[in-house]
N, C-alpha and C. Protein backbone atom coordinates (compact mmCIF):
# COMPACT_ATOMS: atom_id res chain seq x y z
N UNK A 1 66.86 21.50 13.12
CA UNK A 1 66.79 21.95 11.74
C UNK A 1 67.36 20.91 10.79
N UNK A 2 68.59 20.44 11.13
CA UNK A 2 69.26 19.50 10.23
C UNK A 2 68.46 18.21 10.11
N UNK A 3 67.91 17.76 11.24
CA UNK A 3 67.13 16.52 11.21
C UNK A 3 65.90 16.69 10.33
N UNK A 4 65.29 17.85 10.37
CA UNK A 4 64.11 18.12 9.55
C UNK A 4 64.47 18.07 8.06
N UNK A 5 65.61 18.63 7.70
CA UNK A 5 66.06 18.59 6.30
C UNK A 5 66.36 17.16 5.88
N UNK A 6 66.96 16.38 6.78
CA UNK A 6 67.27 14.99 6.47
C UNK A 6 65.99 14.18 6.28
N UNK A 7 64.97 14.46 7.08
CA UNK A 7 63.70 13.74 6.95
C UNK A 7 63.06 14.05 5.60
N UNK A 8 63.12 15.28 5.17
CA UNK A 8 62.56 15.65 3.88
C UNK A 8 63.29 14.97 2.74
N UNK A 9 64.61 14.95 2.84
CA UNK A 9 65.41 14.31 1.79
C UNK A 9 65.20 12.81 1.78
N UNK A 10 65.11 12.21 2.97
CA UNK A 10 64.91 10.76 3.01
C UNK A 10 63.52 10.41 2.49
N UNK A 11 62.54 11.25 2.77
CA UNK A 11 61.20 11.02 2.23
C UNK A 11 61.18 11.09 0.71
N UNK A 12 61.91 12.05 0.18
CA UNK A 12 61.97 12.18 -1.27
C UNK A 12 62.66 10.97 -1.89
N UNK A 13 63.77 10.53 -1.28
CA UNK A 13 64.49 9.36 -1.80
C UNK A 13 63.64 8.10 -1.70
N UNK A 14 62.89 7.98 -0.61
CA UNK A 14 62.00 6.83 -0.46
C UNK A 14 60.93 6.85 -1.54
N UNK A 15 60.38 8.02 -1.82
CA UNK A 15 59.38 8.14 -2.88
C UNK A 15 59.96 7.79 -4.24
N UNK A 16 61.19 8.23 -4.50
CA UNK A 16 61.82 7.92 -5.78
C UNK A 16 62.09 6.41 -5.89
N UNK A 17 62.51 5.80 -4.78
CA UNK A 17 62.77 4.35 -4.80
C UNK A 17 61.47 3.59 -4.99
N UNK A 18 60.40 4.05 -4.35
CA UNK A 18 59.10 3.39 -4.51
C UNK A 18 58.61 3.49 -5.95
N UNK A 19 58.90 4.60 -6.59
CA UNK A 19 58.49 4.78 -7.98
C UNK A 19 59.33 3.99 -8.96
N UNK A 20 60.53 3.60 -8.54
CA UNK A 20 61.42 2.87 -9.44
C UNK A 20 60.91 1.46 -9.73
N UNK A 21 60.28 0.82 -8.74
CA UNK A 21 59.78 -0.54 -8.93
C UNK A 21 58.73 -0.62 -10.03
N UNK A 22 57.64 0.13 -9.89
CA UNK A 22 56.63 0.10 -10.96
C UNK A 22 57.18 0.62 -12.28
N UNK A 23 58.10 1.57 -12.22
CA UNK A 23 58.70 2.09 -13.45
C UNK A 23 59.46 1.01 -14.21
N UNK A 24 60.20 0.20 -13.46
CA UNK A 24 60.95 -0.89 -14.08
C UNK A 24 60.04 -1.91 -14.73
N UNK A 25 58.96 -2.25 -14.05
CA UNK A 25 57.99 -3.19 -14.62
C UNK A 25 57.34 -2.58 -15.85
N UNK A 26 57.05 -1.30 -15.78
CA UNK A 26 56.43 -0.63 -16.92
C UNK A 26 57.33 -0.62 -18.14
N UNK A 27 58.61 -0.39 -17.93
CA UNK A 27 59.56 -0.37 -19.05
C UNK A 27 59.63 -1.76 -19.69
N UNK A 28 59.65 -2.80 -18.86
CA UNK A 28 59.70 -4.15 -19.39
C UNK A 28 58.47 -4.44 -20.25
N UNK A 29 57.30 -4.05 -19.75
CA UNK A 29 56.07 -4.27 -20.51
C UNK A 29 56.03 -3.38 -21.75
N UNK A 30 56.60 -2.19 -21.63
CA UNK A 30 56.54 -1.23 -22.72
C UNK A 30 57.35 -1.66 -23.93
N UNK A 31 58.37 -2.47 -23.70
CA UNK A 31 59.18 -2.89 -24.83
C UNK A 31 58.38 -3.78 -25.77
N UNK A 32 57.26 -4.28 -25.30
CA UNK A 32 56.43 -5.16 -26.11
C UNK A 32 55.29 -4.39 -26.80
N UNK A 33 55.05 -3.15 -26.39
CA UNK A 33 53.90 -2.41 -26.89
C UNK A 33 54.26 -0.92 -27.01
N UNK A 34 54.18 -0.37 -28.20
CA UNK A 34 54.56 1.03 -28.43
C UNK A 34 53.69 1.99 -27.63
N UNK A 35 52.41 1.70 -27.55
CA UNK A 35 51.50 2.57 -26.78
C UNK A 35 51.89 2.57 -25.30
N UNK A 36 52.20 1.39 -24.79
CA UNK A 36 52.61 1.28 -23.39
C UNK A 36 53.92 2.01 -23.15
N UNK A 37 54.81 1.98 -24.12
CA UNK A 37 56.08 2.70 -24.00
C UNK A 37 55.85 4.20 -23.88
N UNK A 38 54.99 4.75 -24.73
CA UNK A 38 54.68 6.19 -24.63
C UNK A 38 54.05 6.53 -23.30
N UNK A 39 53.15 5.68 -22.84
CA UNK A 39 52.46 5.91 -21.57
C UNK A 39 53.46 5.89 -20.40
N UNK A 40 54.34 4.89 -20.42
CA UNK A 40 55.33 4.77 -19.35
C UNK A 40 56.30 5.94 -19.38
N UNK A 41 56.69 6.37 -20.57
CA UNK A 41 57.59 7.50 -20.70
C UNK A 41 56.97 8.75 -20.10
N UNK A 42 55.69 8.97 -20.38
CA UNK A 42 55.00 10.13 -19.80
C UNK A 42 54.96 10.05 -18.29
N UNK A 43 54.70 8.86 -17.75
CA UNK A 43 54.64 8.70 -16.30
C UNK A 43 56.01 8.97 -15.66
N UNK A 44 57.05 8.46 -16.28
CA UNK A 44 58.40 8.67 -15.75
C UNK A 44 58.76 10.15 -15.81
N UNK A 45 58.43 10.79 -16.92
CA UNK A 45 58.72 12.23 -17.05
C UNK A 45 57.96 13.04 -16.00
N UNK A 46 56.70 12.69 -15.78
CA UNK A 46 55.91 13.41 -14.79
C UNK A 46 56.47 13.20 -13.39
N UNK A 47 56.89 11.98 -13.09
CA UNK A 47 57.49 11.69 -11.79
C UNK A 47 58.78 12.46 -11.59
N UNK A 48 59.61 12.53 -12.62
CA UNK A 48 60.86 13.28 -12.53
C UNK A 48 60.58 14.77 -12.35
N UNK A 49 59.59 15.27 -13.07
CA UNK A 49 59.23 16.69 -12.93
C UNK A 49 58.76 16.98 -11.51
N UNK A 50 57.93 16.10 -10.97
CA UNK A 50 57.44 16.30 -9.60
C UNK A 50 58.58 16.26 -8.59
N UNK A 51 59.55 15.37 -8.80
CA UNK A 51 60.70 15.29 -7.90
C UNK A 51 61.51 16.58 -7.94
N UNK A 52 61.71 17.11 -9.13
CA UNK A 52 62.48 18.37 -9.27
C UNK A 52 61.72 19.52 -8.64
N UNK A 53 60.41 19.57 -8.83
CA UNK A 53 59.62 20.64 -8.22
C UNK A 53 59.65 20.55 -6.69
N UNK A 54 59.57 19.32 -6.17
CA UNK A 54 59.63 19.14 -4.72
C UNK A 54 61.00 19.57 -4.19
N UNK A 55 62.05 19.21 -4.89
CA UNK A 55 63.40 19.62 -4.48
C UNK A 55 63.53 21.14 -4.53
N UNK A 56 62.97 21.76 -5.55
CA UNK A 56 63.02 23.22 -5.67
C UNK A 56 62.29 23.88 -4.50
N UNK A 57 61.13 23.33 -4.14
CA UNK A 57 60.39 23.87 -2.99
C UNK A 57 61.19 23.71 -1.70
N UNK A 58 61.82 22.55 -1.53
CA UNK A 58 62.61 22.31 -0.32
C UNK A 58 63.77 23.30 -0.23
N UNK A 59 64.46 23.53 -1.32
CA UNK A 59 65.58 24.47 -1.33
C UNK A 59 65.07 25.88 -1.07
N UNK A 60 63.97 26.25 -1.70
CA UNK A 60 63.39 27.58 -1.49
C UNK A 60 63.00 27.80 -0.04
N UNK A 61 62.37 26.81 0.57
CA UNK A 61 61.99 26.92 1.99
C UNK A 61 63.22 27.02 2.88
N UNK A 62 64.23 26.22 2.57
CA UNK A 62 65.46 26.23 3.35
C UNK A 62 66.12 27.60 3.29
N UNK A 63 66.23 28.15 2.09
CA UNK A 63 66.87 29.46 1.92
C UNK A 63 66.05 30.54 2.62
N UNK A 64 64.74 30.46 2.47
CA UNK A 64 63.87 31.46 3.11
C UNK A 64 64.02 31.45 4.62
N UNK A 65 64.09 30.26 5.21
CA UNK A 65 64.22 30.16 6.67
C UNK A 65 65.56 30.67 7.16
N UNK A 66 66.61 30.43 6.38
CA UNK A 66 67.94 30.79 6.84
C UNK A 66 68.36 32.20 6.45
N UNK A 67 67.58 32.86 5.64
CA UNK A 67 67.90 34.25 5.27
C UNK A 67 67.29 35.23 6.25
N UNK A 68 66.39 34.77 7.08
CA UNK A 68 65.73 35.67 8.05
C UNK A 68 66.59 35.97 9.24
């Protein structure tokens, strides 16, 4: 059980780290272009929202399994 939870968390962290690289490049490019800044901001917000939703699902599944 614990290993399964660790794999899920490590996968999420890996995904967040993978998203940080393009995000950093996007921010650098966005400082030169207002449209690019808005676009990058939306992408970062969507990525953060997806990470929170994934974490919420993981916690919900964990609680559901351990309440039975």
